[in-house]
PDB file of all heavy atoms in Angstrom:
ATOM      1  N   ILE A   1     107.607  94.817 111.427  1.00  0.00           N
ATOM      2  CA  ILE A   1     108.919  94.259 111.152  1.00  0.00           C
ATOM      3  C   ILE A   1     109.333  93.397 112.338  1.00  0.00           C
ATOM      4  O   ILE A   1     109.155  93.773 113.492  1.00  0.00           O
ATOM      5  CB  ILE A   1     109.954  95.372 110.864  1.00  0.00           C
ATOM      6  CG1 ILE A   1     111.296  94.774 110.455  1.00  0.00           C
ATOM      7  CG2 ILE A   1     110.104  96.315 112.052  1.00  0.00           C
ATOM      8  CD1 ILE A   1     112.258  95.810 109.877  1.00  0.00           C
ATOM      9  N   THR A   2     109.886  92.237 112.048  1.00  0.00           N
ATOM     10  CA  THR A   2     110.282  91.292 113.081  1.00  0.00           C
ATOM     11  C   THR A   2     111.735  91.492 113.467  1.00  0.00           C
ATOM     12  O   THR A   2     112.449  92.321 112.903  1.00  0.00           O
ATOM     13  CB  THR A   2     110.074  89.850 112.609  1.00  0.00           C
ATOM     14  OG1 THR A   2     111.029  89.546 111.579  1.00  0.00           O
ATOM     15  CG2 THR A   2     108.674  89.653 112.053  1.00  0.00           C
ATOM     16  N   ASN A   3     112.182  90.700 114.444  1.00  0.00           N
ATOM     17  CA  ASN A   3     113.574  90.782 114.868  1.00  0.00           C
ATOM     18  C   ASN A   3     114.537  90.284 113.800  1.00  0.00           C
ATOM     19  O   ASN A   3     115.733  90.588 113.864  1.00  0.00           O
ATOM     20  CB  ASN A   3     113.777  90.009 116.170  1.00  0.00           C
ATOM     21  CG  ASN A   3     113.399  88.542 116.051  1.00  0.00           C
ATOM     22  OD1 ASN A   3     112.738  88.126 115.103  1.00  0.00           O
ATOM     23  ND2 ASN A   3     113.806  87.750 117.032  1.00  0.00           N
ATOM     24  N   SER A   4     114.039  89.535 112.848  1.00  0.00           N
ATOM     25  CA  SER A   4     114.853  89.075 111.734  1.00  0.00           C
ATOM     26  C   SER A   4     114.716  89.966 110.509  1.00  0.00           C
ATOM     27  O   SER A   4     115.186  89.614 109.429  1.00  0.00           O
ATOM     28  CB  SER A   4     114.498  87.635 111.369  1.00  0.00           C
ATOM     29  OG  SER A   4     113.153  87.525 110.950  1.00  0.00           O
ATOM     30  N   ALA A   5     114.042  91.109 110.683  1.00  0.00           N
ATOM     31  CA  ALA A   5     113.866  92.112 109.635  1.00  0.00           C
ATOM     32  C   ALA A   5     112.876  91.693 108.559  1.00  0.00           C
ATOM     33  O   ALA A   5     112.843  92.301 107.480  1.00  0.00           O
ATOM     34  CB  ALA A   5     115.205  92.493 109.009  1.00  0.00           C
ATOM     35  N   SER A   6     112.084  90.692 108.832  1.00  0.00           N
ATOM     36  CA  SER A   6     110.995  90.352 107.929  1.00  0.00           C
ATOM     37  C   SER A   6     109.901  91.410 108.053  1.00  0.00           C
ATOM     38  O   SER A   6     109.579  91.855 109.151  1.00  0.00           O
ATOM     39  CB  SER A   6     110.441  88.976 108.262  1.00  0.00           C
ATOM     40  OG  SER A   6     109.344  88.654 107.435  1.00  0.00           O
ATOM     41  N   THR A   7     109.330  91.817 106.932  1.00  0.00           N
ATOM     42  CA  THR A   7     108.349  92.901 106.932  1.00  0.00           C
ATOM     43  C   THR A   7     107.037  92.474 106.297  1.00  0.00           C
ATOM     44  O   THR A   7     106.996  91.586 105.437  1.00  0.00           O
ATOM     45  CB  THR A   7     108.884  94.128 106.179  1.00  0.00           C
ATOM     46  OG1 THR A   7     109.203  93.760 104.828  1.00  0.00           O
ATOM     47  CG2 THR A   7     110.131  94.670 106.855  1.00  0.00           C
ATOM     48  N   ASP A   8     105.976  93.129 106.726  1.00  0.00           N
ATOM     49  CA  ASP A   8     104.650  92.949 106.150  1.00  0.00           C
ATOM     50  C   ASP A   8     103.975  94.304 106.083  1.00  0.00           C
ATOM     51  O   ASP A   8     104.197  95.166 106.940  1.00  0.00           O
ATOM     52  CB  ASP A   8     103.802  91.988 106.977  1.00  0.00           C
ATOM     53  CG  ASP A   8     104.297  90.559 106.921  1.00  0.00           C
ATOM     54  OD1 ASP A   8     104.167  89.931 105.852  1.00  0.00           O
ATOM     55  OD2 ASP A   8     104.822  90.071 107.946  1.00  0.00           O
ATOM     56  N   TYR A   9     103.130  94.476 105.078  1.00  0.00           N
ATOM     57  CA  TYR A   9     102.458  95.744 104.867  1.00  0.00           C
ATOM     58  C   TYR A   9     100.986  95.529 104.567  1.00  0.00           C
ATOM     59  O   TYR A   9     100.594  94.521 103.972  1.00  0.00           O
ATOM     60  CB  TYR A   9     103.076  96.504 103.692  1.00  0.00           C
ATOM     61  CG  TYR A   9     104.526  96.848 103.880  1.00  0.00           C
ATOM     62  CD1 TYR A   9     105.523  95.995 103.436  1.00  0.00           C
ATOM     63  CD2 TYR A   9     104.898  98.037 104.507  1.00  0.00           C
ATOM     64  CE1 TYR A   9     106.863  96.313 103.607  1.00  0.00           C
ATOM     65  CE2 TYR A   9     106.231  98.360 104.681  1.00  0.00           C
ATOM     66  CZ  TYR A   9     107.205  97.491 104.228  1.00  0.00           C
ATOM     67  OH  TYR A   9     108.537  97.811 104.401  1.00  0.00           O
ATOM     68  N   ALA A  10     100.190  96.492 104.974  1.00  0.00           N
ATOM     69  CA  ALA A  10      98.807  96.509 104.540  1.00  0.00           C
ATOM     70  C   ALA A  10      98.756  96.712 103.032  1.00  0.00           C
ATOM     71  O   ALA A  10      99.598  97.407 102.459  1.00  0.00           O
ATOM     72  CB  ALA A  10      98.044  97.625 105.248  1.00  0.00           C
ATOM     73  N   ASP A  11      97.771  96.109 102.397  1.00  0.00           N
ATOM     74  CA  ASP A  11      97.666  96.227 100.947  1.00  0.00           C
ATOM     75  C   ASP A  11      97.576  97.682 100.493  1.00  0.00           C
ATOM     76  O   ASP A  11      98.069  98.039  99.419  1.00  0.00           O
ATOM     77  CB  ASP A  11      96.448  95.454 100.439  1.00  0.00           C
ATOM     78  CG  ASP A  11      96.629  93.955 100.521  1.00  0.00           C
ATOM     79  OD1 ASP A  11      97.782  93.493 100.603  1.00  0.00           O
ATOM     80  OD2 ASP A  11      95.614  93.237 100.501  1.00  0.00           O
ATOM     81  N   SER A  12      96.968  98.513 101.305  1.00  0.00           N
ATOM     82  CA  SER A  12      96.753  99.897 100.929  1.00  0.00           C
ATOM     83  C   SER A  12      98.037 100.717 100.868  1.00  0.00           C
ATOM     84  O   SER A  12      98.048 101.798 100.274  1.00  0.00           O
ATOM     85  CB  SER A  12      95.772 100.564 101.895  1.00  0.00           C
ATOM     86  OG  SER A  12      96.263 100.518 103.224  1.00  0.00           O
ATOM     87  N   VAL A  13      99.120 100.221 101.464  1.00  0.00           N
ATOM     88  CA  VAL A  13     100.361 100.984 101.491  1.00  0.00           C
ATOM     89  C   VAL A  13     101.513 100.266 100.809  1.00  0.00           C
ATOM     90  O   VAL A  13     102.615 100.830 100.716  1.00  0.00           O
ATOM     91  CB  VAL A  13     100.771 101.350 102.927  1.00  0.00           C
ATOM     92  CG1 VAL A  13      99.631 102.057 103.645  1.00  0.00           C
ATOM     93  CG2 VAL A  13     101.211 100.111 103.707  1.00  0.00           C
ATOM     94  N   LYS A  14     101.299  99.070 100.320  1.00  0.00           N
ATOM     95  CA  LYS A  14     102.362  98.329  99.660  1.00  0.00           C
ATOM     96  C   LYS A  14     102.911  99.108  98.474  1.00  0.00           C
ATOM     97  O   LYS A  14     102.162  99.656  97.672  1.00  0.00           O
ATOM     98  CB  LYS A  14     101.857  96.967  99.189  1.00  0.00           C
ATOM     99  CG  LYS A  14     101.690  95.951 100.296  1.00  0.00           C
ATOM    100  CD  LYS A  14     101.246  94.599  99.745  1.00  0.00           C
ATOM    101  CE  LYS A  14     101.116  93.569 100.847  1.00  0.00           C
ATOM    102  NZ  LYS A  14     100.630  92.263 100.338  1.00  0.00           N
ATOM    103  N   GLY A  15     104.224  99.140  98.389  1.00  0.00           N
ATOM    104  CA  GLY A  15     104.874  99.867  97.320  1.00  0.00           C
ATOM    105  C   GLY A  15     105.088 101.331  97.608  1.00  0.00           C
ATOM    106  O   GLY A  15     105.810 102.005  96.859  1.00  0.00           O
ATOM    107  N   ARG A  16     104.477 101.851  98.662  1.00  0.00           N
ATOM    108  CA  ARG A  16     104.604 103.260  99.007  1.00  0.00           C
ATOM    109  C   ARG A  16     105.282 103.484 100.354  1.00  0.00           C
ATOM    110  O   ARG A  16     105.987 104.477 100.532  1.00  0.00           O
ATOM    111  CB  ARG A  16     103.230 103.937  99.026  1.00  0.00           C
ATOM    112  CG  ARG A  16     102.499 103.869  97.689  1.00  0.00           C
ATOM    113  CD  ARG A  16     101.227 104.717  97.703  1.00  0.00           C
ATOM    114  NE  ARG A  16     100.262 104.243  98.695  1.00  0.00           N
ATOM    115  CZ  ARG A  16      99.851 104.952  99.743  1.00  0.00           C
ATOM    116  NH1 ARG A  16     100.310 106.191  99.930  1.00  0.00           N
ATOM    117  NH2 ARG A  16      98.960 104.447 100.585  1.00  0.00           N
ATOM    118  N   PHE A  17     105.058 102.578 101.306  1.00  0.00           N
ATOM    119  CA  PHE A  17     105.622 102.708 102.648  1.00  0.00           C
ATOM    120  C   PHE A  17     106.721 101.679 102.846  1.00  0.00           C
ATOM    121  O   PHE A  17     106.656 100.564 102.304  1.00  0.00           O
ATOM    122  CB  PHE A  17     104.554 102.491 103.717  1.00  0.00           C
ATOM    123  CG  PHE A  17     103.526 103.582 103.824  1.00  0.00           C
ATOM    124  CD1 PHE A  17     103.421 104.583 102.871  1.00  0.00           C
ATOM    125  CD2 PHE A  17     102.649 103.601 104.897  1.00  0.00           C
ATOM    126  CE1 PHE A  17     102.472 105.587 102.966  1.00  0.00           C
ATOM    127  CE2 PHE A  17     101.695 104.591 105.019  1.00  0.00           C
ATOM    128  CZ  PHE A  17     101.599 105.586 104.058  1.00  0.00           C
ATOM    129  N   THR A  18     107.709 102.039 103.649  1.00  0.00           N
ATOM    130  CA  THR A  18     108.796 101.137 103.988  1.00  0.00           C
ATOM    131  C   THR A  18     109.072 101.207 105.483  1.00  0.00           C
ATOM    132  O   THR A  18     109.360 102.280 106.009  1.00  0.00           O
ATOM    133  CB  THR A  18     110.085 101.479 103.218  1.00  0.00           C
ATOM    134  OG1 THR A  18     109.834 101.462 101.812  1.00  0.00           O
ATOM    135  CG2 THR A  18     111.173 100.458 103.540  1.00  0.00           C
ATOM    136  N   ILE A  19     108.989 100.072 106.153  1.00  0.00           N
ATOM    137  CA  ILE A  19     109.308 100.006 107.567  1.00  0.00           C
ATOM    138  C   ILE A  19     110.728  99.487 107.729  1.00  0.00           C
ATOM    139  O   ILE A  19     111.172  98.614 106.983  1.00  0.00           O
ATOM    140  CB  ILE A  19     108.298  99.121 108.329  1.00  0.00           C
ATOM    141  CG1 ILE A  19     108.516  99.228 109.845  1.00  0.00           C
ATOM    142  CG2 ILE A  19     108.359  97.678 107.870  1.00  0.00           C
ATOM    143  CD1 ILE A  19     107.430  98.551 110.668  1.00  0.00           C
ATOM    144  N   SER A  20     111.447 100.035 108.697  1.00  0.00           N
ATOM    145  CA  SER A  20     112.813  99.615 108.944  1.00  0.00           C
ATOM    146  C   SER A  20     113.128  99.783 110.422  1.00  0.00           C
ATOM    147  O   SER A  20     112.336 100.357 111.178  1.00  0.00           O
ATOM    148  CB  SER A  20     113.806 100.403 108.078  1.00  0.00           C
ATOM    149  OG  SER A  20     113.737 101.788 108.367  1.00  0.00           O
ATOM    150  N   ARG A  21     114.291  99.290 110.810  1.00  0.00           N
ATOM    151  CA  ARG A  21     114.693  99.392 112.205  1.00  0.00           C
ATOM    152  C   ARG A  21     116.201  99.511 112.305  1.00  0.00           C
ATOM    153  O   ARG A  21     116.944  99.013 111.455  1.00  0.00           O
ATOM    154  CB  ARG A  21     114.205  98.176 113.003  1.00  0.00           C
ATOM    155  CG  ARG A  21     114.747  96.840 112.488  1.00  0.00           C
ATOM    156  CD  ARG A  21     114.039  95.659 113.143  1.00  0.00           C
ATOM    157  NE  ARG A  21     114.343  95.557 114.562  1.00  0.00           N
ATOM    158  CZ  ARG A  21     113.695  94.750 115.412  1.00  0.00           C
ATOM    159  NH1 ARG A  21     112.693  93.999 114.976  1.00  0.00           N
ATOM    160  NH2 ARG A  21     114.048  94.710 116.686  1.00  0.00           N
ATOM    161  N   ASP A  22     116.647 100.170 113.352  1.00  0.00           N
ATOM    162  CA  ASP A  22     118.061 100.290 113.673  1.00  0.00           C
ATOM    163  C   ASP A  22     118.212  99.781 115.095  1.00  0.00           C
ATOM    164  O   ASP A  22     117.924 100.498 116.056  1.00  0.00           O
ATOM    165  CB  ASP A  22     118.536 101.737 113.547  1.00  0.00           C
ATOM    166  CG  ASP A  22     120.036 101.880 113.731  1.00  0.00           C
ATOM    167  OD1 ASP A  22     120.640 101.072 114.453  1.00  0.00           O
ATOM    168  OD2 ASP A  22     120.616 102.811 113.148  1.00  0.00           O
ATOM    169  N   ASN A  23     118.641  98.546 115.226  1.00  0.00           N
ATOM    170  CA  ASN A  23     118.724  97.931 116.549  1.00  0.00           C
ATOM    171  C   ASN A  23     119.729  98.639 117.456  1.00  0.00           C
ATOM    172  O   ASN A  23     119.533  98.707 118.673  1.00  0.00           O
ATOM    173  CB  ASN A  23     119.095  96.452 116.418  1.00  0.00           C
ATOM    174  CG  ASN A  23     117.985  95.629 115.793  1.00  0.00           C
ATOM    175  OD1 ASN A  23     116.807  95.991 115.859  1.00  0.00           O
ATOM    176  ND2 ASN A  23     118.341  94.504 115.186  1.00  0.00           N
ATOM    177  N   GLY A  24     120.798  99.153 116.881  1.00  0.00           N
ATOM    178  CA  GLY A  24     121.788  99.863 117.675  1.00  0.00           C
ATOM    179  C   GLY A  24     121.240 101.125 118.305  1.00  0.00           C
ATOM    180  O   GLY A  24     121.678 101.533 119.383  1.00  0.00           O
ATOM    181  N   LYS A  25     120.283 101.751 117.649  1.00  0.00           N
ATOM    182  CA  LYS A  25     119.664 102.976 118.153  1.00  0.00           C
ATOM    183  C   LYS A  25     118.332 102.727 118.834  1.00  0.00           C
ATOM    184  O   LYS A  25     117.704 103.670 119.319  1.00  0.00           O
ATOM    185  CB  LYS A  25     119.467 103.977 117.019  1.00  0.00           C
ATOM    186  CG  LYS A  25     120.762 104.460 116.380  1.00  0.00           C
ATOM    187  CD  LYS A  25     120.472 105.467 115.272  1.00  0.00           C
ATOM    188  CE  LYS A  25     121.751 105.983 114.649  1.00  0.00           C
ATOM    189  NZ  LYS A  25     121.476 106.957 113.557  1.00  0.00           N
ATOM    190  N   ASN A  26     117.890 101.464 118.856  1.00  0.00           N
ATOM    191  CA  ASN A  26     116.572 101.130 119.393  1.00  0.00           C
ATOM    192  C   ASN A  26     115.491 102.015 118.790  1.00  0.00           C
ATOM    193  O   ASN A  26     114.622 102.548 119.493  1.00  0.00           O
ATOM    194  CB  ASN A  26     116.566 101.236 120.918  1.00  0.00           C
ATOM    195  CG  ASN A  26     117.202 100.040 121.591  1.00  0.00           C
ATOM    196  OD1 ASN A  26     117.189  98.930 121.063  1.00  0.00           O
ATOM    197  ND2 ASN A  26     117.757 100.258 122.782  1.00  0.00           N
ATOM    198  N   THR A  27     115.550 102.145 117.500  1.00  0.00           N
ATOM    199  CA  THR A  27     114.649 103.037 116.787  1.00  0.00           C
ATOM    200  C   THR A  27     114.072 102.354 115.561  1.00  0.00           C
ATOM    201  O   THR A  27     114.775 101.636 114.853  1.00  0.00           O
ATOM    202  CB  THR A  27     115.376 104.325 116.363  1.00  0.00           C
ATOM    203  OG1 THR A  27     115.887 104.988 117.527  1.00  0.00           O
ATOM    204  CG2 THR A  27     114.430 105.268 115.636  1.00  0.00           C
ATOM    205  N   GLY A  28     112.805 102.579 115.332  1.00  0.00           N
ATOM    206  CA  GLY A  28     112.141 102.109 114.140  1.00  0.00           C
ATOM    207  C   GLY A  28     111.705 103.281 113.291  1.00  0.00           C
ATOM    208  O   GLY A  28     111.561 104.413 113.778  1.00  0.00           O
ATOM    209  N   TYR A  29     111.472 103.018 112.018  1.00  0.00           N
ATOM    210  CA  TYR A  29     111.121 104.071 111.079  1.00  0.00           C
ATOM    211  C   TYR A  29     110.001 103.606 110.160  1.00  0.00           C
ATOM    212  O   TYR A  29     109.840 102.415 109.893  1.00  0.00           O
ATOM    213  CB  TYR A  29     112.320 104.467 110.219  1.00  0.00           C
ATOM    214  CG  TYR A  29     113.544 104.861 111.003  1.00  0.00           C
ATOM    215  CD1 TYR A  29     114.530 103.922 111.303  1.00  0.00           C
ATOM    216  CD2 TYR A  29     113.715 106.163 111.451  1.00  0.00           C
ATOM    217  CE1 TYR A  29     115.650 104.275 112.024  1.00  0.00           C
ATOM    218  CE2 TYR A  29     114.840 106.528 112.174  1.00  0.00           C
ATOM    219  CZ  TYR A  29     115.806 105.582 112.459  1.00  0.00           C
ATOM    220  OH  TYR A  29     116.918 105.935 113.176  1.00  0.00           O
ATOM    221  N   LEU A  30     109.255 104.564 109.680  1.00  0.00           N
ATOM    222  CA  LEU A  30     108.278 104.321 108.639  1.00  0.00           C
ATOM    223  C   LEU A  30     108.442 105.405 107.593  1.00  0.00           C
ATOM    224  O   LEU A  30     108.085 106.563 107.831  1.00  0.00           O
ATOM    225  CB  LEU A  30     106.849 104.317 109.186  1.00  0.00           C
ATOM    226  CG  LEU A  30     105.768 103.969 108.162  1.00  0.00           C
ATOM    227  CD1 LEU A  30     105.903 102.515 107.713  1.00  0.00           C
ATOM    228  CD2 LEU A  30     104.376 104.224 108.725  1.00  0.00           C
ATOM    229  N   GLN A  31     109.011 105.035 106.457  1.00  0.00           N
ATOM    230  CA  GLN A  31     109.148 105.951 105.340  1.00  0.00           C
ATOM    231  C   GLN A  31     107.883 105.886 104.509  1.00  0.00           C
ATOM    232  O   GLN A  31     107.502 104.818 104.029  1.00  0.00           O
ATOM    233  CB  GLN A  31     110.367 105.573 104.487  1.00  0.00           C
ATOM    234  CG  GLN A  31     110.563 106.435 103.248  1.00  0.00           C
ATOM    235  CD  GLN A  31     110.939 107.855 103.586  1.00  0.00           C
ATOM    236  OE1 GLN A  31     111.768 108.088 104.461  1.00  0.00           O
ATOM    237  NE2 GLN A  31     110.319 108.814 102.905  1.00  0.00           N
ATOM    238  N   MET A  32     107.234 107.020 104.342  1.00  0.00           N
ATOM    239  CA  MET A  32     105.969 107.091 103.624  1.00  0.00           C
ATOM    240  C   MET A  32     106.155 107.958 102.387  1.00  0.00           C
ATOM    241  O   MET A  32     106.440 109.151 102.493  1.00  0.00           O
ATOM    242  CB  MET A  32     104.870 107.652 104.524  1.00  0.00           C
ATOM    243  CG  MET A  32     104.684 106.877 105.822  1.00  0.00           C
ATOM    244  SD  MET A  32     103.295 107.491 106.820  1.00  0.00           S
ATOM    245  CE  MET A  32     103.908 109.130 107.228  1.00  0.00           C
ATOM    246  N   ASP A  33     105.992 107.352 101.236  1.00  0.00           N
ATOM    247  CA  ASP A  33     106.134 108.042  99.962  1.00  0.00           C
ATOM    248  C   ASP A  33     104.810 108.003  99.211  1.00  0.00           C
ATOM    249  O   ASP A  33     103.930 107.200  99.497  1.00  0.00           O
ATOM    250  CB  ASP A  33     107.228 107.399  99.110  1.00  0.00           C
ATOM    251  CG  ASP A  33     108.594 107.452  99.747  1.00  0.00           C
ATOM    252  OD1 ASP A  33     108.942 108.498 100.330  1.00  0.00           O
ATOM    253  OD2 ASP A  33     109.335 106.441  99.653  1.00  0.00           O
ATOM    254  N   SER A  34     104.703 108.872  98.224  1.00  0.00           N
ATOM    255  CA  SER A  34     103.496 108.939  97.394  1.00  0.00           C
ATOM    256  C   SER A  34     102.239 109.003  98.245  1.00  0.00           C
ATOM    257  O   SER A  34     101.265 108.277  98.024  1.00  0.00           O
ATOM    258  CB  SER A  34     103.433 107.737  96.444  1.00  0.00           C
ATOM    259  OG  SER A  34     104.568 107.691  95.602  1.00  0.00           O
ATOM    260  N   LEU A  35     102.255 109.883  99.212  1.00  0.00           N
ATOM    261  CA  LEU A  35     101.153 109.964 100.164  1.00  0.00           C
ATOM    262  C   LEU A  35      99.856 110.413  99.503  1.00  0.00           C
ATOM    263  O   LEU A  35      99.862 111.216  98.567  1.00  0.00           O
ATOM    264  CB  LEU A  35     101.515 110.907 101.302  1.00  0.00           C
ATOM    265  CG  LEU A  35     102.485 110.313 102.329  1.00  0.00           C
ATOM    266  CD1 LEU A  35     103.123 111.406 103.172  1.00  0.00           C
ATOM    267  CD2 LEU A  35     101.757 109.309 103.222  1.00  0.00           C
ATOM    268  N   LYS A  36      98.768 109.877 100.009  1.00  0.00           N
ATOM    269  CA  LYS A  36      97.433 110.159  99.521  1.00  0.00           C
ATOM    270  C   LYS A  36      96.591 110.731 100.652  1.00  0.00           C
ATOM    271  O   LYS A  36      96.875 110.492 101.823  1.00  0.00           O
ATOM    272  CB  LYS A  36      96.770 108.884  98.994  1.00  0.00           C
ATOM    273  CG  LYS A  36      97.562 108.135  97.939  1.00  0.00           C
ATOM    274  CD  LYS A  36      96.882 106.818  97.596  1.00  0.00           C
ATOM    275  CE  LYS A  36      97.668 106.042  96.561  1.00  0.00           C
ATOM    276  NZ  LYS A  36      97.012 104.740  96.243  1.00  0.00           N
ATOM    277  N   PRO A  37      95.531 111.464 100.321  1.00  0.00           N
ATOM    278  CA  PRO A  37      94.662 111.985 101.382  1.00  0.00           C
ATOM    279  C   PRO A  37      94.126 110.894 102.307  1.00  0.00           C
ATOM    280  O   PRO A  37      93.945 111.148 103.507  1.00  0.00           O
ATOM    281  CB  PRO A  37      93.534 112.664 100.604  1.00  0.00           C
ATOM    282  CG  PRO A  37      94.183 113.100  99.333  1.00  0.00           C
ATOM    283  CD  PRO A  37      95.160 111.996  99.001  1.00  0.00           C
TER     284      PRO A  37
END
C-alpha cells in the first residue's frame, strides 16, 4: 500500500486479503480471509 492508499496484491491472495493503514497510529494491517493451507 502506498502513501496515497493505492494497493496491489499477489494473484494468489486477490479477493481474500486486504491491506490497509492508519497513518495516525503509524500502523499497517493485513486482513486475511478464506485462508488456505
